[in-house]
Protein backbone atom coordinates (compact mmCIF):
# COMPACT_ATOMS: atom_id res chain seq x y z
CA MET A 1 -0.02 -0.55 0.00
CA LEU A 2 3.17 2.70 0.45
CA LEU A 3 4.02 1.14 -2.80
CA TRP A 4 0.81 2.22 -4.80
CA LYS A 5 0.91 5.75 -2.59
CA ASN A 6 4.97 6.93 -3.22
CA ASN A 7 3.93 5.88 -7.03
CA LYS A 8 0.87 8.35 -7.50
CA CYS A 9 2.48 11.27 -5.88
CA LEU A 10 5.21 10.02 -7.79
CA LEU A 11 3.07 9.99 -11.08
CA ARG A 12 1.17 13.07 -9.69
CA HIS A 13 4.29 15.17 -9.32
CA PHE A 14 5.36 14.48 -12.82
CA PHE A 15 2.23 15.11 -14.30
CA ILE A 16 2.15 18.40 -13.32
CA GLY A 17 5.58 19.18 -13.70
CA ALA A 18 5.16 18.08 -17.37
CA LEU A 19 2.12 20.10 -17.49
CA LEU A 20 4.40 23.63 -16.05
CA SER A 21 7.23 22.60 -18.89
CA LEU A 22 4.49 22.80 -21.58
CA ALA A 23 3.21 26.12 -20.18
CA PHE A 24 6.32 27.91 -20.17
CA VAL A 25 7.58 26.39 -23.31
CA LEU A 26 4.97 27.71 -25.55
CA GLN A 27 5.51 31.42 -26.69
CA VAL A 28 2.11 32.93 -27.77
CA GLU A 29 0.46 36.49 -26.70
CA ALA A 30 -2.69 36.99 -24.40
CA GLN A 31 -5.87 34.52 -24.23
CA ARG A 32 -8.20 37.74 -26.40
CA GLN A 33 -7.70 40.66 -28.00
CA ILE A 34 -10.22 43.02 -27.37
CA TYR A 35 -9.98 46.52 -28.89
CA PRO A 36 -12.80 48.97 -27.12
CA GLU A 37 -13.10 51.07 -29.77
CA GLU A 38 -14.07 48.46 -32.57
CA ASN A 39 -17.12 47.34 -29.77
CA PRO A 40 -17.45 43.46 -31.28
CA PRO A 41 -20.30 41.38 -30.54
CA LEU A 42 -20.75 39.32 -27.62
CA LYS A 43 -20.30 36.08 -29.68
CA GLU A 44 -16.70 37.04 -30.89
CA ARG A 45 -16.01 38.10 -26.99
CA MET A 46 -17.69 34.88 -25.86
CA TYR A 47 -15.38 32.11 -24.71
CA TYR A 48 -16.13 27.96 -23.44
CA GLY A 49 -14.53 25.70 -21.93
CA GLY A 50 -14.16 23.84 -19.41
CA ASN A 51 -12.22 20.86 -16.87
CA LEU A 52 -12.49 17.08 -17.47
CA SER A 53 -11.50 14.14 -15.15
CA LEU A 54 -11.27 10.53 -15.63
CA GLN A 55 -9.63 7.52 -13.53
CA PHE A 56 -10.92 4.48 -13.56
CA GLY A 57 -10.23 0.77 -11.40
CA TRP A 58 -11.01 0.48 -7.99
CA LEU A 59 -11.07 3.71 -6.94
CA THR A 60 -13.08 5.28 -10.03
CA PHE A 61 -13.84 9.47 -10.84
CA VAL A 62 -15.34 11.43 -13.34
CA ASP A 63 -15.63 15.33 -13.28
CA VAL A 64 -17.40 17.25 -16.16
CA SER A 65 -17.11 21.15 -15.51
CA PRO A 66 -18.22 22.99 -18.16
CA LEU A 67 -17.58 27.02 -18.37
CA ALA A 68 -18.43 30.16 -20.53
CA GLY A 69 -17.22 33.31 -20.12
CA ALA A 70 -17.01 36.54 -22.22
CA MET A 71 -14.66 39.27 -22.48
CA ILE A 72 -15.73 42.19 -20.79
CA THR A 73 -13.62 45.04 -21.34
CA GLU A 74 -9.47 43.85 -22.84
CA LYS A 75 -8.42 42.80 -18.95
CA TYR A 76 -11.70 41.54 -16.85
CA SER A 77 -14.06 38.61 -17.89
CA ALA A 78 -17.15 37.17 -16.14
CA GLY A 79 -18.93 34.08 -16.44
CA VAL A 80 -20.56 30.31 -15.10
CA GLY A 81 -20.32 26.64 -14.74
CA ALA A 82 -21.56 23.91 -14.28
CA THR A 83 -19.94 20.46 -12.46
CA TYR A 84 -21.43 17.14 -12.41
CA GLN A 85 -18.38 14.44 -10.23
CA TYR A 86 -19.12 10.93 -10.25
CA PHE A 87 -17.19 8.67 -7.49
CA ASN A 88 -16.69 5.09 -6.97
CA ASN A 89 -15.04 3.01 -4.42
CA ARG A 90 -15.52 -0.30 -4.63
CA PHE A 91 -13.64 -1.09 -1.55
CA TYR A 92 -16.24 0.06 0.04
CA ASN A 93 -20.02 -0.96 0.11
CA ASN A 94 -22.18 1.74 -1.29
CA ALA A 95 -19.52 3.84 -1.79
CA GLN A 96 -20.55 6.54 -4.74
CA SER A 97 -21.81 9.42 -4.71
CA HIS A 98 -22.67 11.97 -7.20
CA ILE A 99 -21.74 15.98 -6.78
CA TYR A 100 -23.65 18.11 -9.03
CA GLY A 101 -23.51 22.00 -8.92
CA GLY A 102 -22.88 25.32 -10.70
CA ARG A 103 -20.37 28.45 -10.34
CA ILE A 104 -19.89 31.81 -11.30
CA PHE A 105 -16.69 33.62 -11.78
CA ASN A 106 -14.68 36.91 -12.21
CA ARG A 107 -10.88 37.36 -13.96
CA TYR A 108 -8.89 39.98 -14.51
CA ASN A 109 -5.69 39.77 -16.62
CA VAL A 110 -2.63 40.87 -14.82
CA LEU A 111 -0.45 40.79 -17.28
CA PRO A 112 -1.20 38.43 -20.48
CA LYS A 113 -0.87 35.53 -19.33
CA ILE A 114 -1.14 35.59 -15.57
CA PHE A 115 -4.55 36.38 -14.45
CA LEU A 116 -6.41 36.80 -10.92
CA HIS A 117 -9.64 34.45 -10.79
CA ALA A 118 -12.67 35.36 -7.91
CA GLU A 119 -16.00 32.55 -7.68
CA TYR A 120 -18.25 31.53 -5.85
CA GLU A 121 -19.30 27.97 -6.12
CA ALA A 122 -22.94 25.35 -4.97
CA LEU A 123 -22.23 21.87 -4.63
CA ASN A 124 -24.47 19.48 -3.62
CA VAL A 125 -23.00 17.18 -1.90
CA GLU A 126 -23.66 13.55 0.55
CA VAL A 127 -22.23 14.80 3.86
CA ALA A 128 -22.42 12.26 6.82
CA ASN A 129 -24.52 13.43 10.17
CA PRO A 130 -23.73 12.08 13.30
CA VAL A 131 -26.07 10.89 15.47
CA PRO A 132 -25.50 12.07 18.82
CA ASN A 133 -25.22 9.30 21.69
CA SER A 134 -24.48 6.72 19.06
CA SER A 135 -22.10 5.30 16.74
CA GLU A 136 -24.12 5.67 13.86
CA VAL A 137 -24.16 8.18 10.74
CA ILE A 138 -26.75 9.69 8.19
CA PHE A 139 -25.77 10.65 5.44
CA THR A 140 -27.96 13.57 4.19
CA ARG A 141 -27.97 16.01 0.25
CA ASP A 142 -27.35 19.03 1.45
CA TRP A 143 -26.02 22.43 -0.76
CA VAL A 144 -22.75 23.27 -0.02
CA PRO A 145 -20.99 26.58 -0.80
CA GLY A 146 -17.15 27.61 -1.62
CA LEU A 147 -15.90 31.11 -2.08
CA PHE A 148 -12.71 30.68 -3.80
CA ALA A 149 -9.73 33.34 -5.17
CA GLY A 150 -6.46 32.85 -6.48
CA ALA A 151 -4.09 33.55 -9.67
CA GLY A 152 -3.63 31.00 -12.71
CA TYR A 153 -1.62 31.28 -16.10
CA PHE A 154 -2.50 31.11 -18.64
CA THR A 155 -0.99 29.21 -22.36
CA PRO A 156 -2.54 30.30 -25.25
CA PHE A 157 -2.61 27.41 -28.19
CA GLY A 158 -3.45 29.15 -31.38
CA GLU A 159 -5.92 33.05 -31.59
CA ARG A 160 -9.25 31.61 -29.64
CA GLY A 161 -8.09 28.10 -27.14
CA GLY A 162 -5.64 27.89 -24.18
CA MET A 163 -5.07 26.27 -21.30
CA ASN A 164 -5.46 27.60 -17.83
CA PHE A 165 -3.33 26.62 -14.64
CA MET A 166 -5.27 27.55 -11.61
CA LEU A 167 -4.23 27.93 -7.82
CA LEU A 168 -7.38 28.73 -5.57
CA TYR A 169 -7.92 28.59 -2.33
CA ASN A 170 -11.91 28.26 -0.97
CA PHE A 171 -12.23 30.52 1.95
CA THR A 172 -15.28 29.12 3.46
CA TYR A 173 -13.87 25.67 3.56
CA ASP A 174 -15.39 23.05 5.66
CA ASN A 175 -13.47 19.99 6.60
CA ARG A 176 -16.67 18.15 7.64
CA ARG A 177 -18.52 18.98 4.79
CA SER A 178 -16.40 20.62 1.78
CA PRO A 179 -15.85 17.51 -1.28
CA TYR A 180 -12.33 18.64 -1.68
CA ASN A 181 -9.69 17.41 0.41
CA GLU A 182 -7.72 20.56 1.28
CA PRO A 183 -8.65 24.35 1.44
CA TYR A 184 -6.02 24.33 -1.25
CA VAL A 185 -7.08 22.91 -5.11
CA LEU A 186 -5.59 23.02 -8.26
CA ARG A 187 -7.31 23.00 -11.57
CA VAL A 188 -5.98 22.57 -14.57
CA GLY A 189 -8.48 23.60 -18.19
CA PHE A 190 -8.98 24.54 -21.19
CA VAL A 191 -10.61 26.84 -23.30
CA PHE A 192 -11.80 27.89 -26.90
């Protein structure tokens, strides 16, 4: 078991290092060029994307999180997103869960490739509620809020698309209710 944890940690660090290396090797300009004097239509200022995570085996995890945003000014954008996650741990009976919800976000480009990010997220999760004076636990569904802020790095692929790397902190993190293991969240996603 210890060998698996060490290899899993090593693979995770290798994967993150490879992605970050790729980000720094590519040399392209900013996410979008919006010129206010041209007053482009909303369709040209929109961008779409999101995150997709897949893991299969004894532990199955699927995360589909699409988003849509619009460049409001040359440096500021805002948008909405949805999240669906499925988790199944085959080591335990009935250890599967469905998580769903949505979010709104704001981004401000400090530099052409570096941005600040803030978002409010609400996820519907199964929350463990201990029964008083008993060892029994009852699971109920509840909406769990998350208020995230942090920074990100954008690596463009061509004129419209690219990849985002974000490090966010959840200011409303609750270790008993949150679906995240830590208040720090690392996200990698695509936009086009």
